[in-house]
Amino acid sequence: MNRAQKNGAAAALSNLEGLVTKLCGSFAVEEIERVSEYLGKRLTDEQKRQLLKQGPQQIIQAAQLTSSAVALRQQTEAAEAVRRNIEKMEMMAAPVPKGPVS
């Protein structure tokens, strides 16, 4: 392979990497947007544009942070559900007072 072919192959690879980064970045930003809605806050158009301007590493970090936030919310919701069930069980197991109520 001569120098021109190597340069052409390197340029093609660079273009492909750029396309993949752009597509994956768009997909990741869409997922971040969905997660944000799930967490109760919508991304503004400006925030989406800012995310799309970031490099792949920054987008991955943002996606990881949102993933951690979702996991934390789900754990909190599960813990609250367990707490409510325990309270229900305790109420059901509590002895009913007998005799006159003052």
Protein backbone atom coordinates (compact mmCIF):
# COMPACT_ATOMS: atom_id res chain seq x y z
CA MET A 1 0.00 0.00 0.00
CA ASN A 2 1.51 3.33 -1.03
CA ARG A 3 1.39 6.60 0.90
CA ALA A 4 -1.65 7.95 -1.00
CA GLN A 5 -3.63 4.78 -0.31
CA LYS A 6 -2.66 4.90 3.37
CA ASN A 7 -3.71 8.55 3.61
CA GLY A 8 -6.99 7.73 1.85
CA ALA A 9 -7.64 4.81 4.20
CA ALA A 10 -6.84 6.96 7.23
CA ALA A 11 -9.19 9.70 5.99
CA ALA A 12 -11.96 7.16 5.38
CA LEU A 13 -11.46 5.72 8.86
CA SER A 14 -11.54 9.19 10.36
CA ASN A 15 -14.77 10.00 8.50
CA LEU A 16 -16.31 6.73 9.66
CA GLU A 17 -15.28 7.41 13.26
CA GLY A 18 -16.83 10.88 13.01
CA LEU A 19 -20.08 9.46 11.66
CA VAL A 20 -20.27 6.77 14.34
CA THR A 21 -19.50 9.33 17.06
CA LYS A 22 -22.21 11.65 15.73
CA LEU A 23 -24.81 8.87 15.50
CA CYS A 24 -23.95 7.39 18.89
CA GLY A 25 -23.83 10.87 20.40
CA SER A 26 -27.32 11.60 19.08
CA PHE A 27 -28.59 8.29 20.43
CA ALA A 28 -26.98 8.90 23.82
CA VAL A 29 -28.44 12.41 24.02
CA GLU A 30 -31.91 11.02 23.19
CA GLU A 31 -31.50 8.51 26.02
CA ILE A 32 -30.32 11.25 28.38
CA GLU A 33 -33.40 13.23 27.39
CA ARG A 34 -35.71 10.29 28.19
CA VAL A 35 -34.01 9.72 31.52
CA SER A 36 -34.32 13.39 32.38
CA GLU A 37 -38.07 13.23 31.75
CA TYR A 38 -38.30 10.10 33.92
CA LEU A 39 -36.48 11.97 36.67
CA GLY A 40 -38.91 14.87 36.34
CA LYS A 41 -36.93 17.46 34.42
CA ARG A 42 -36.97 18.01 30.69
CA LEU A 43 -33.86 19.01 28.79
CA THR A 44 -34.11 22.31 26.97
CA ASP A 45 -33.17 22.55 23.32
CA GLU A 46 -30.08 24.51 24.36
CA GLN A 47 -29.02 21.74 26.77
CA LYS A 48 -29.41 19.16 23.99
CA ARG A 49 -27.31 21.29 21.63
CA GLN A 50 -24.64 21.67 24.30
CA LEU A 51 -24.56 17.91 24.87
CA LEU A 52 -24.25 17.23 21.14
CA LYS A 53 -21.26 19.60 20.97
CA GLN A 54 -19.44 17.55 23.61
CA GLY A 55 -16.96 14.87 22.73
CA PRO A 56 -17.78 11.18 23.06
CA GLN A 57 -16.15 10.91 26.49
CA GLN A 58 -18.22 13.74 27.92
CA ILE A 59 -21.44 12.32 26.47
CA ILE A 60 -20.60 8.92 27.94
CA GLN A 61 -19.98 10.53 31.33
CA ALA A 62 -23.33 12.34 31.16
CA ALA A 63 -25.06 9.07 30.22
CA GLN A 64 -23.37 7.27 33.13
CA LEU A 65 -24.46 9.99 35.55
CA THR A 66 -28.05 9.79 34.37
CA SER A 67 -27.90 6.01 34.65
CA SER A 68 -26.71 6.32 38.24
CA ALA A 69 -29.50 8.80 38.97
CA VAL A 70 -32.10 6.36 37.62
CA ALA A 71 -30.68 3.51 39.70
CA LEU A 72 -30.80 5.70 42.81
CA ARG A 73 -34.39 6.72 42.12
CA GLN A 74 -35.45 3.11 41.58
CA GLN A 75 -33.75 2.04 44.81
CA THR A 76 -35.48 4.87 46.65
CA GLU A 77 -38.87 3.91 45.21
CA ALA A 78 -38.32 0.27 46.14
CA ALA A 79 -37.28 1.22 49.68
CA GLU A 80 -40.35 3.42 50.08
CA ALA A 81 -42.62 0.61 48.87
CA VAL A 82 -41.04 -1.81 51.36
CA ARG A 83 -41.45 0.76 54.14
CA ARG A 84 -45.16 1.20 53.29
CA ASN A 85 -45.68 -2.57 53.29
CA ILE A 86 -43.96 -2.91 56.67
CA GLU A 87 -46.19 -0.17 58.08
CA LYS A 88 -49.28 -1.95 56.72
CA MET A 89 -48.18 -5.25 58.23
CA GLU A 90 -47.51 -3.59 61.59
CA MET A 91 -50.94 -1.95 61.55
CA MET A 92 -52.58 -5.29 60.75
CA ALA A 93 -50.65 -7.05 63.51
CA ALA A 94 -51.31 -4.38 66.16
CA PRO A 95 -53.68 -5.59 68.87
CA VAL A 96 -57.12 -4.07 68.84
CA PRO A 97 -57.81 -2.33 72.17
CA LYS A 98 -60.68 -3.86 74.13
CA GLY A 99 -62.89 -2.06 76.52
CA PRO A 100 -64.15 1.49 76.62
CA VAL A 101 -62.30 4.13 74.71
CA SER A 102 -61.75 7.23 76.76
